[in-house]
PDB file of N, CA and C in Angstrom:
ATOM      1  N   ILE A   1     -20.097  77.420 -16.438  1.00  0.00           N
ATOM      2  CA  ILE A   1     -19.587  76.107 -16.801  1.00  0.00           C
ATOM      3  C   ILE A   1     -18.132  76.225 -17.216  1.00  0.00           C
ATOM      4  N   ILE A   2     -17.902  76.701 -18.429  1.00  0.00           N
ATOM      5  CA  ILE A   2     -16.548  76.871 -18.945  1.00  0.00           C
ATOM      6  C   ILE A   2     -16.378  78.351 -19.244  1.00  0.00           C
ATOM      7  N   GLN A   3     -15.300  78.928 -18.761  1.00  0.00           N
ATOM      8  CA  GLN A   3     -15.070  80.354 -18.920  1.00  0.00           C
ATOM      9  C   GLN A   3     -14.788  80.702 -20.376  1.00  0.00           C
ATOM     10  N   PRO A   4     -15.513  81.688 -20.925  1.00  0.00           N
ATOM     11  CA  PRO A   4     -15.220  82.112 -22.295  1.00  0.00           C
ATOM     12  C   PRO A   4     -13.878  82.835 -22.365  1.00  0.00           C
ATOM     13  N   LEU A   5     -13.253  82.759 -23.505  1.00  0.00           N
ATOM     14  CA  LEU A   5     -11.992  83.458 -23.721  1.00  0.00           C
ATOM     15  C   LEU A   5     -12.271  84.935 -23.940  1.00  0.00           C
ATOM     16  N   LYS A   6     -11.503  85.796 -23.310  1.00  0.00           N
ATOM     17  CA  LYS A   6     -11.683  87.236 -23.481  1.00  0.00           C
ATOM     18  C   LYS A   6     -11.256  87.681 -24.872  1.00  0.00           C
ATOM     19  N   CYS A   7     -10.229  87.019 -25.416  1.00  0.00           N
ATOM     20  CA  CYS A   7      -9.713  87.426 -26.717  1.00  0.00           C
ATOM     21  C   CYS A   7     -10.508  86.835 -27.882  1.00  0.00           C
ATOM     22  N   ASN A   8     -11.335  85.859 -27.606  1.00  0.00           N
ATOM     23  CA  ASN A   8     -12.088  85.193 -28.666  1.00  0.00           C
ATOM     24  C   ASN A   8     -13.438  84.756 -28.099  1.00  0.00           C
ATOM     25  N   PRO A   9     -14.425  85.660 -28.127  1.00  0.00           N
ATOM     26  CA  PRO A   9     -15.715  85.331 -27.516  1.00  0.00           C
ATOM     27  C   PRO A   9     -16.436  84.226 -28.277  1.00  0.00           C
ATOM     28  N   PRO A  10     -17.338  83.520 -27.609  1.00  0.00           N
ATOM     29  CA  PRO A  10     -18.126  82.490 -28.283  1.00  0.00           C
ATOM     30  C   PRO A  10     -18.872  83.074 -29.480  1.00  0.00           C
ATOM     31  N   ASP A  11     -18.984  82.275 -30.531  1.00  0.00           N
ATOM     32  CA  ASP A  11     -19.629  82.753 -31.755  1.00  0.00           C
ATOM     33  C   ASP A  11     -20.739  81.826 -32.240  1.00  0.00           C
ATOM     34  N   LEU A  12     -21.176  80.921 -31.382  1.00  0.00           N
ATOM     35  CA  LEU A  12     -22.181  79.935 -31.769  1.00  0.00           C
ATOM     36  C   LEU A  12     -23.120  79.680 -30.600  1.00  0.00           C
ATOM     37  N   GLU A  13     -24.417  79.679 -30.892  1.00  0.00           N
ATOM     38  CA  GLU A  13     -25.402  79.311 -29.881  1.00  0.00           C
ATOM     39  C   GLU A  13     -25.777  77.852 -30.084  1.00  0.00           C
ATOM     40  N   ILE A  14     -25.765  77.113 -29.002  1.00  0.00           N
ATOM     41  CA  ILE A  14     -26.245  75.738 -29.020  1.00  0.00           C
ATOM     42  C   ILE A  14     -27.496  75.699 -28.166  1.00  0.00           C
ATOM     43  N   VAL A  15     -28.586  75.205 -28.737  1.00  0.00           N
ATOM     44  CA  VAL A  15     -29.846  75.092 -28.018  1.00  0.00           C
ATOM     45  C   VAL A  15     -30.119  73.612 -27.813  1.00  0.00           C
ATOM     46  N   VAL A  16     -30.335  73.237 -26.569  1.00  0.00           N
ATOM     47  CA  VAL A  16     -30.641  71.850 -26.252  1.00  0.00           C
ATOM     48  C   VAL A  16     -31.983  71.783 -25.540  1.00  0.00           C
ATOM     49  N   GLY A  17     -32.630  70.642 -25.649  1.00  0.00           N
ATOM     50  CA  GLY A  17     -33.915  70.425 -24.989  1.00  0.00           C
ATOM     51  C   GLY A  17     -35.006  70.152 -25.998  1.00  0.00           C
ATOM     52  N   SER A  18     -35.991  69.402 -25.543  1.00  0.00           N
ATOM     53  CA  SER A  18     -37.018  68.921 -26.464  1.00  0.00           C
ATOM     54  C   SER A  18     -38.246  69.802 -26.558  1.00  0.00           C
ATOM     55  N   SER A  19     -38.443  70.694 -25.616  1.00  0.00           N
ATOM     56  CA  SER A  19     -39.606  71.575 -25.697  1.00  0.00           C
ATOM     57  C   SER A  19     -39.187  72.993 -25.373  1.00  0.00           C
ATOM     58  N   THR A  20     -39.955  73.942 -25.842  1.00  0.00           N
ATOM     59  CA  THR A  20     -39.640  75.353 -25.614  1.00  0.00           C
ATOM     60  C   THR A  20     -39.485  75.642 -24.130  1.00  0.00           C
ATOM     61  N   LYS A  21     -40.314  75.003 -23.325  1.00  0.00           N
ATOM     62  CA  LYS A  21     -40.278  75.209 -21.885  1.00  0.00           C
ATOM     63  C   LYS A  21     -38.979  74.710 -21.251  1.00  0.00           C
ATOM     64  N   HIS A  22     -38.390  73.700 -21.848  1.00  0.00           N
ATOM     65  CA  HIS A  22     -37.186  73.101 -21.289  1.00  0.00           C
ATOM     66  C   HIS A  22     -35.975  73.242 -22.200  1.00  0.00           C
ATOM     67  N   GLN A  23     -35.956  74.294 -23.015  1.00  0.00           N
ATOM     68  CA  GLN A  23     -34.797  74.536 -23.866  1.00  0.00           C
ATOM     69  C   GLN A  23     -33.796  75.424 -23.132  1.00  0.00           C
ATOM     70  N   TYR A  24     -32.526  75.138 -23.365  1.00  0.00           N
ATOM     71  CA  TYR A  24     -31.449  75.915 -22.775  1.00  0.00           C
ATOM     72  C   TYR A  24     -30.494  76.313 -23.885  1.00  0.00           C
ATOM     73  N   THR A  25     -29.954  77.519 -23.793  1.00  0.00           N
ATOM     74  CA  THR A  25     -29.026  78.025 -24.793  1.00  0.00           C
ATOM     75  C   THR A  25     -27.645  78.177 -24.168  1.00  0.00           C
ATOM     76  N   PHE A  26     -26.647  77.687 -24.886  1.00  0.00           N
ATOM     77  CA  PHE A  26     -25.259  77.774 -24.450  1.00  0.00           C
ATOM     78  C   PHE A  26     -24.469  78.540 -25.502  1.00  0.00           C
ATOM     79  N   GLN A  27     -23.567  79.377 -25.066  1.00  0.00           N
ATOM     80  CA  GLN A  27     -22.663  80.093 -25.957  1.00  0.00           C
ATOM     81  C   GLN A  27     -21.393  79.252 -26.090  1.00  0.00           C
ATOM     82  N   CYS A  28     -21.028  78.927 -27.321  1.00  0.00           N
ATOM     83  CA  CYS A  28     -19.881  78.048 -27.563  1.00  0.00           C
ATOM     84  C   CYS A  28     -18.984  78.619 -28.654  1.00  0.00           C
ATOM     85  N   HIS A  29     -17.816  78.053 -28.771  1.00  0.00           N
ATOM     86  CA  HIS A  29     -16.881  78.407 -29.837  1.00  0.00           C
ATOM     87  C   HIS A  29     -17.084  77.425 -30.994  1.00  0.00           C
ATOM     88  N   SER A  30     -17.448  77.937 -32.133  1.00  0.00           N
ATOM     89  CA  SER A  30     -17.730  77.072 -33.286  1.00  0.00           C
ATOM     90  C   SER A  30     -16.511  76.247 -33.685  1.00  0.00           C
ATOM     91  N   ALA A  31     -15.326  76.832 -33.624  1.00  0.00           N
ATOM     92  CA  ALA A  31     -14.115  76.104 -34.033  1.00  0.00           C
ATOM     93  C   ALA A  31     -13.868  74.894 -33.146  1.00  0.00           C
ATOM     94  N   ILE A  32     -14.100  75.031 -31.856  1.00  0.00           N
ATOM     95  CA  ILE A  32     -13.892  73.900 -30.948  1.00  0.00           C
ATOM     96  C   ILE A  32     -14.908  72.802 -31.226  1.00  0.00           C
ATOM     97  N   LEU A  33     -16.185  73.173 -31.330  1.00  0.00           N
ATOM     98  CA  LEU A  33     -17.200  72.144 -31.582  1.00  0.00           C
ATOM     99  C   LEU A  33     -17.038  71.508 -32.959  1.00  0.00           C
ATOM    100  N   ALA A  34     -16.714  72.308 -33.958  1.00  0.00           N
ATOM    101  CA  ALA A  34     -16.529  71.753 -35.309  1.00  0.00           C
ATOM    102  C   ALA A  34     -15.328  70.816 -35.352  1.00  0.00           C
ATOM    103  N   SER A  35     -14.305  71.102 -34.565  1.00  0.00           N
ATOM    104  CA  SER A  35     -13.137  70.213 -34.544  1.00  0.00           C
ATOM    105  C   SER A  35     -13.444  68.897 -33.843  1.00  0.00           C
ATOM    106  N   GLN A  36     -14.503  68.875 -33.053  1.00  0.00           N
ATOM    107  CA  GLN A  36     -14.864  67.671 -32.304  1.00  0.00           C
ATOM    108  C   GLN A  36     -16.063  66.930 -32.877  1.00  0.00           C
ATOM    109  N   SER A  37     -16.691  67.476 -33.916  1.00  0.00           N
ATOM    110  CA  SER A  37     -17.889  66.848 -34.482  1.00  0.00           C
ATOM    111  C   SER A  37     -17.963  67.104 -35.987  1.00  0.00           C
ATOM    112  N   ALA A  38     -17.951  66.029 -36.760  1.00  0.00           N
ATOM    113  CA  ALA A  38     -18.107  66.162 -38.210  1.00  0.00           C
ATOM    114  C   ALA A  38     -19.489  66.721 -38.549  1.00  0.00           C
ATOM    115  N   TYR A  39     -20.474  66.393 -37.750  1.00  0.00           N
ATOM    116  CA  TYR A  39     -21.847  66.885 -37.941  1.00  0.00           C
ATOM    117  C   TYR A  39     -21.884  68.411 -37.800  1.00  0.00           C
ATOM    118  N   VAL A  40     -21.315  68.925 -36.718  1.00  0.00           N
ATOM    119  CA  VAL A  40     -21.285  70.376 -36.496  1.00  0.00           C
ATOM    120  C   VAL A  40     -20.452  71.053 -37.578  1.00  0.00           C
ATOM    121  N   ASP A  41     -19.322  70.467 -37.909  1.00  0.00           N
ATOM    122  CA  ASP A  41     -18.456  71.033 -38.945  1.00  0.00           C
ATOM    123  C   ASP A  41     -19.207  71.171 -40.260  1.00  0.00           C
ATOM    124  N   THR A  42     -19.951  70.146 -40.636  1.00  0.00           N
ATOM    125  CA  THR A  42     -20.728  70.189 -41.880  1.00  0.00           C
ATOM    126  C   THR A  42     -21.814  71.259 -41.814  1.00  0.00           C
ATOM    127  N   MET A  43     -22.529  71.332 -40.697  1.00  0.00           N
ATOM    128  CA  MET A  43     -23.607  72.316 -40.578  1.00  0.00           C
ATOM    129  C   MET A  43     -23.091  73.750 -40.681  1.00  0.00           C
ATOM    130  N   LEU A  44     -21.872  73.963 -40.242  1.00  0.00           N
ATOM    131  CA  LEU A  44     -21.312  75.316 -40.277  1.00  0.00           C
ATOM    132  C   LEU A  44     -20.498  75.588 -41.536  1.00  0.00           C
ATOM    133  N   SER A  45     -20.307  74.565 -42.370  1.00  0.00           N
ATOM    134  CA  SER A  45     -19.471  74.711 -43.569  1.00  0.00           C
ATOM    135  C   SER A  45     -20.260  74.807 -44.865  1.00  0.00           C
ATOM    136  N   VAL A  46     -21.503  74.409 -44.834  1.00  0.00           N
ATOM    137  CA  VAL A  46     -22.319  74.438 -46.050  1.00  0.00           C
ATOM    138  C   VAL A  46     -23.462  75.433 -45.854  1.00  0.00           C
ATOM    139  N   PRO A  47     -24.044  75.901 -46.967  1.00  0.00           N
ATOM    140  CA  PRO A  47     -25.111  76.900 -46.836  1.00  0.00           C
ATOM    141  C   PRO A  47     -26.379  76.303 -46.215  1.00  0.00           C
ATOM    142  N   MET A  48     -26.436  76.346 -44.921  1.00  0.00           N
ATOM    143  CA  MET A  48     -27.611  75.901 -44.167  1.00  0.00           C
ATOM    144  C   MET A  48     -27.992  77.032 -43.222  1.00  0.00           C
ATOM    145  N   LYS A  49     -29.208  76.986 -42.700  1.00  0.00           N
ATOM    146  CA  LYS A  49     -29.642  78.059 -41.795  1.00  0.00           C
ATOM    147  C   LYS A  49     -28.757  78.145 -40.560  1.00  0.00           C
ATOM    148  N   GLU A  50     -28.213  77.002 -40.112  1.00  0.00           N
ATOM    149  CA  GLU A  50     -27.338  77.002 -38.945  1.00  0.00           C
ATOM    150  C   GLU A  50     -26.069  77.807 -39.197  1.00  0.00           C
ATOM    151  N   GLN A  51     -25.578  77.766 -40.423  1.00  0.00           N
ATOM    152  CA  GLN A  51     -24.360  78.512 -40.753  1.00  0.00           C
ATOM    153  C   GLN A  51     -24.611  80.015 -40.659  1.00  0.00           C
ATOM    154  N   SER A  52     -25.698  80.472 -41.246  1.00  0.00           N
ATOM    155  CA  SER A  52     -25.954  81.916 -41.240  1.00  0.00           C
ATOM    156  C   SER A  52     -26.449  82.416 -39.883  1.00  0.00           C
ATOM    157  N   ALA A  53     -27.220  81.600 -39.175  1.00  0.00           N
ATOM    158  CA  ALA A  53     -27.747  82.017 -37.873  1.00  0.00           C
ATOM    159  C   ALA A  53     -26.742  81.807 -36.745  1.00  0.00           C
ATOM    160  N   LYS A  54     -25.712  80.994 -37.008  1.00  0.00           N
ATOM    161  CA  LYS A  54     -24.743  80.635 -35.962  1.00  0.00           C
ATOM    162  C   LYS A  54     -25.471  80.080 -34.741  1.00  0.00           C
ATOM    163  N   ARG A  55     -26.417  79.183 -35.035  1.00  0.00           N
ATOM    164  CA  ARG A  55     -27.255  78.580 -33.984  1.00  0.00           C
ATOM    165  C   ARG A  55     -27.602  77.157 -34.408  1.00  0.00           C
ATOM    166  N   ILE A  56     -27.287  76.198 -33.541  1.00  0.00           N
ATOM    167  CA  ILE A  56     -27.600  74.802 -33.808  1.00  0.00           C
ATOM    168  C   ILE A  56     -28.465  74.296 -32.670  1.00  0.00           C
ATOM    169  N   THR A  57     -29.541  73.610 -33.026  1.00  0.00           N
ATOM    170  CA  THR A  57     -30.461  73.066 -32.033  1.00  0.00           C
ATOM    171  C   THR A  57     -30.330  71.545 -31.995  1.00  0.00           C
ATOM    172  N   PHE A  58     -30.181  71.033 -30.795  1.00  0.00           N
ATOM    173  CA  PHE A  58     -30.149  69.591 -30.546  1.00  0.00           C
ATOM    174  C   PHE A  58     -31.341  69.259 -29.652  1.00  0.00           C
ATOM    175  N   PRO A  59     -32.525  69.024 -30.239  1.00  0.00           N
ATOM    176  CA  PRO A  59     -33.710  68.792 -29.401  1.00  0.00           C
ATOM    177  C   PRO A  59     -33.648  67.489 -28.602  1.00  0.00           C
ATOM    178  N   ASP A  60     -32.842  66.540 -29.043  1.00  0.00           N
ATOM    179  CA  ASP A  60     -32.793  65.263 -28.331  1.00  0.00           C
ATOM    180  C   ASP A  60     -31.642  65.171 -27.330  1.00  0.00           C
ATOM    181  N   ILE A  61     -31.003  66.304 -27.036  1.00  0.00           N
ATOM    182  CA  ILE A  61     -29.989  66.342 -25.984  1.00  0.00           C
ATOM    183  C   ILE A  61     -30.525  67.236 -24.863  1.00  0.00           C
ATOM    184  N   GLU A  62     -30.550  66.698 -23.667  1.00  0.00           N
ATOM    185  CA  GLU A  62     -31.050  67.457 -22.522  1.00  0.00           C
ATOM    186  C   GLU A  62     -29.923  68.271 -21.875  1.00  0.00           C
ATOM    187  N   HIS A  63     -30.304  69.238 -21.082  1.00  0.00           N
ATOM    188  CA  HIS A  63     -29.392  70.170 -20.429  1.00  0.00           C
ATOM    189  C   HIS A  63     -28.234  69.466 -19.717  1.00  0.00           C
ATOM    190  N   ASP A  64     -28.538  68.564 -18.812  1.00  0.00           N
ATOM    191  CA  ASP A  64     -27.485  67.895 -18.036  1.00  0.00           C
ATOM    192  C   ASP A  64     -26.572  67.044 -18.917  1.00  0.00           C
ATOM    193  N   THR A  65     -27.151  66.448 -19.931  1.00  0.00           N
ATOM    194  CA  THR A  65     -26.362  65.633 -20.856  1.00  0.00           C
ATOM    195  C   THR A  65     -25.390  66.515 -21.628  1.00  0.00           C
ATOM    196  N   TRP A  66     -25.858  67.676 -22.086  1.00  0.00           N
ATOM    197  CA  TRP A  66     -24.980  68.599 -22.833  1.00  0.00           C
ATOM    198  C   TRP A  66     -23.811  69.051 -21.956  1.00  0.00           C
ATOM    199  N   ILE A  67     -24.078  69.342 -20.705  1.00  0.00           N
ATOM    200  CA  ILE A  67     -23.014  69.790 -19.811  1.00  0.00           C
ATOM    201  C   ILE A  67     -21.943  68.701 -19.676  1.00  0.00           C
ATOM    202  N   ARG A  68     -22.365  67.459 -19.497  1.00  0.00           N
ATOM    203  CA  ARG A  68     -21.383  66.368 -19.403  1.00  0.00           C
ATOM    204  C   ARG A  68     -20.626  66.216 -20.718  1.00  0.00           C
ATOM    205  N   LEU A  69     -21.326  66.338 -21.823  1.00  0.00           N
ATOM    206  CA  LEU A  69     -20.712  66.202 -23.145  1.00  0.00           C
ATOM    207  C   LEU A  69     -19.693  67.317 -23.382  1.00  0.00           C
ATOM    208  N   ILE A  70     -20.060  68.549 -23.103  1.00  0.00           N
ATOM    209  CA  ILE A  70     -19.184  69.685 -23.389  1.00  0.00           C
ATOM    210  C   ILE A  70     -17.947  69.665 -22.484  1.00  0.00           C
ATOM    211  N   HIS A  71     -18.098  69.189 -21.271  1.00  0.00           N
ATOM    212  CA  HIS A  71     -16.929  69.065 -20.395  1.00  0.00           C
ATOM    213  C   HIS A  71     -15.942  68.043 -20.943  1.00  0.00           C
ATOM    214  N   PHE A  72     -16.458  67.052 -21.611  1.00  0.00           N
ATOM    215  CA  PHE A  72     -15.569  66.052 -22.200  1.00  0.00           C
ATOM    216  C   PHE A  72     -14.905  66.585 -23.468  1.00  0.00           C
ATOM    217  N   LEU A  73     -15.620  67.377 -24.263  1.00  0.00           N
ATOM    218  CA  LEU A  73     -15.139  67.805 -25.579  1.00  0.00           C
ATOM    219  C   LEU A  73     -14.194  68.995 -25.562  1.00  0.00           C
ATOM    220  N   THR A  74     -14.329  69.883 -24.605  1.00  0.00           N
ATOM    221  CA  THR A  74     -13.563  71.120 -24.643  1.00  0.00           C
ATOM    222  C   THR A  74     -12.214  70.980 -23.947  1.00  0.00           C
ATOM    223  N   PRO A  75     -11.234  71.767 -24.393  1.00  0.00           N
ATOM    224  CA  PRO A  75      -9.894  71.676 -23.815  1.00  0.00           C
ATOM    225  C   PRO A  75      -9.852  71.929 -22.309  1.00  0.00           C
ATOM    226  N   SER A  76     -10.704  72.803 -21.803  1.00  0.00           N
ATOM    227  CA  SER A  76     -10.675  73.097 -20.364  1.00  0.00           C
ATOM    228  C   SER A  76     -11.529  72.127 -19.559  1.00  0.00           C
ATOM    229  N   GLY A  77     -12.218  71.215 -20.248  1.00  0.00           N
ATOM    230  CA  GLY A  77     -13.030  70.224 -19.557  1.00  0.00           C
ATOM    231  C   GLY A  77     -12.176  69.114 -18.970  1.00  0.00           C
ATOM    232  N   SER A  78     -12.820  68.199 -18.303  1.00  0.00           N
ATOM    233  CA  SER A  78     -12.075  67.157 -17.606  1.00  0.00           C
ATOM    234  C   SER A  78     -11.624  66.025 -18.535  1.00  0.00           C
ATOM    235  N   ARG A  79     -12.231  65.877 -19.693  1.00  0.00           N
ATOM    236  CA  ARG A  79     -11.902  64.822 -20.666  1.00  0.00           C
ATOM    237  C   ARG A  79     -12.045  63.422 -20.082  1.00  0.00           C
ATOM    238  N   GLN A  80     -12.784  63.296 -19.010  1.00  0.00           N
ATOM    239  CA  GLN A  80     -13.007  61.987 -18.423  1.00  0.00           C
ATOM    240  C   GLN A  80     -14.499  61.727 -18.340  1.00  0.00           C
ATOM    241  N   LEU A  81     -14.891  60.578 -18.855  1.00  0.00           N
ATOM    242  CA  LEU A  81     -16.278  60.158 -18.741  1.00  0.00           C
ATOM    243  C   LEU A  81     -16.416  59.214 -17.566  1.00  0.00           C
ATOM    244  N   GLN A  82     -17.529  59.314 -16.899  1.00  0.00           N
ATOM    245  CA  GLN A  82     -17.846  58.348 -15.862  1.00  0.00           C
ATOM    246  C   GLN A  82     -18.504  57.148 -16.540  1.00  0.00           C
ATOM    247  N   VAL A  83     -18.305  55.987 -15.994  1.00  0.00           N
ATOM    248  CA  VAL A  83     -18.894  54.771 -16.562  1.00  0.00           C
ATOM    249  C   VAL A  83     -20.408  54.916 -16.659  1.00  0.00           C
ATOM    250  N   THR A  84     -21.009  55.602 -15.711  1.00  0.00           N
ATOM    251  CA  THR A  84     -22.461  55.774 -15.713  1.00  0.00           C
ATOM    252  C   THR A  84     -22.942  56.706 -16.826  1.00  0.00           C
ATOM    253  N   ASP A  85     -22.036  57.519 -17.392  1.00  0.00           N
ATOM    254  CA  ASP A  85     -22.401  58.434 -18.482  1.00  0.00           C
ATOM    255  C   ASP A  85     -22.421  57.743 -19.844  1.00  0.00           C
ATOM    256  N   ILE A  86     -21.709  56.661 -19.979  1.00  0.00           N
ATOM    257  CA  ILE A  86     -21.514  56.033 -21.288  1.00  0.00           C
ATOM    258  C   ILE A  86     -22.826  55.627 -21.971  1.00  0.00           C
ATOM    259  N   PRO A  87     -23.765  54.968 -21.294  1.00  0.00           N
ATOM    260  CA  PRO A  87     -25.003  54.585 -21.996  1.00  0.00           C
ATOM    261  C   PRO A  87     -25.786  55.771 -22.558  1.00  0.00           C
ATOM    262  N   GLU A  88     -25.700  56.914 -21.888  1.00  0.00           N
ATOM    263  CA  GLU A  88     -26.416  58.101 -22.354  1.00  0.00           C
ATOM    264  C   GLU A  88     -25.643  58.855 -23.434  1.00  0.00           C
ATOM    265  N   LEU A  89     -24.323  58.955 -23.284  1.00  0.00           N
ATOM    266  CA  LEU A  89     -23.524  59.763 -24.200  1.00  0.00           C
ATOM    267  C   LEU A  89     -23.118  59.031 -25.478  1.00  0.00           C
ATOM    268  N   LEU A  90     -22.930  57.749 -25.421  1.00  0.00           N
ATOM    269  CA  LEU A  90     -22.472  57.010 -26.597  1.00  0.00           C
ATOM    270  C   LEU A  90     -23.392  57.168 -27.808  1.00  0.00           C
ATOM    271  N   PRO A  91     -24.711  57.061 -27.655  1.00  0.00           N
ATOM    272  CA  PRO A  91     -25.579  57.288 -28.821  1.00  0.00           C
ATOM    273  C   PRO A  91     -25.479  58.711 -29.384  1.00  0.00           C
ATOM    274  N   ILE A  92     -25.238  59.688 -28.521  1.00  0.00           N
ATOM    275  CA  ILE A  92     -25.091  61.080 -28.968  1.00  0.00           C
ATOM    276  C   ILE A  92     -23.785  61.245 -29.734  1.00  0.00           C
ATOM    277  N   PHE A  93     -22.714  60.651 -29.204  1.00  0.00           N
ATOM    278  CA  PHE A  93     -21.433  60.688 -29.912  1.00  0.00           C
ATOM    279  C   PHE A  93     -21.585  60.082 -31.292  1.00  0.00           C
ATOM    280  N   ASP A  94     -22.303  58.995 -31.389  1.00  0.00           N
ATOM    281  CA  ASP A  94     -22.494  58.314 -32.670  1.00  0.00           C
ATOM    282  C   ASP A  94     -23.373  59.129 -33.615  1.00  0.00           C
ATOM    283  N   LYS A  95     -24.512  59.565 -33.138  1.00  0.00           N
ATOM    284  CA  LYS A  95     -25.475  60.288 -33.993  1.00  0.00           C
ATOM    285  C   LYS A  95     -24.922  61.595 -34.537  1.00  0.00           C
ATOM    286  N   PHE A  96     -24.202  62.346 -33.691  1.00  0.00           N
ATOM    287  CA  PHE A  96     -23.703  63.660 -34.100  1.00  0.00           C
ATOM    288  C   PHE A  96     -22.213  63.664 -34.403  1.00  0.00           C
ATOM    289  N   GLU A  97     -21.640  62.484 -34.536  1.00  0.00           N
ATOM    290  CA  GLU A  97     -20.258  62.291 -34.971  1.00  0.00           C
ATOM    291  C   GLU A  97     -19.242  63.058 -34.128  1.00  0.00           C
ATOM    292  N   PHE A  98     -19.445  63.008 -32.803  1.00  0.00           N
ATOM    293  CA  PHE A  98     -18.455  63.606 -31.904  1.00  0.00           C
ATOM    294  C   PHE A  98     -17.258  62.686 -31.808  1.00  0.00           C
ATOM    295  N   ARG A  99     -16.082  63.256 -31.649  1.00  0.00           N
ATOM    296  CA  ARG A  99     -14.837  62.485 -31.575  1.00  0.00           C
ATOM    297  C   ARG A  99     -14.353  62.389 -30.150  1.00  0.00           C
TER     298      ARG A  99
END
């Protein structure tokens, strides 16, 4: 999807999907996600299991939705949403405080 930086490897696992059978794990940069989401920033800034495990689970975000979301949020992504993505992504942006 997005090429990891050689000088700064991903330090956060994001797990998406509602069931164990359909869960997917993505390696991400915590600083990038925290800068784009107050929710993620809080989870990684206070003593919670997500902070120590460096793993955040979003059971209500599906694989394809996460890919569209991450392409919009990351610097190397396209930063363009398709009109057809808005009904699906807008509630996620709101719930998890993505910017």
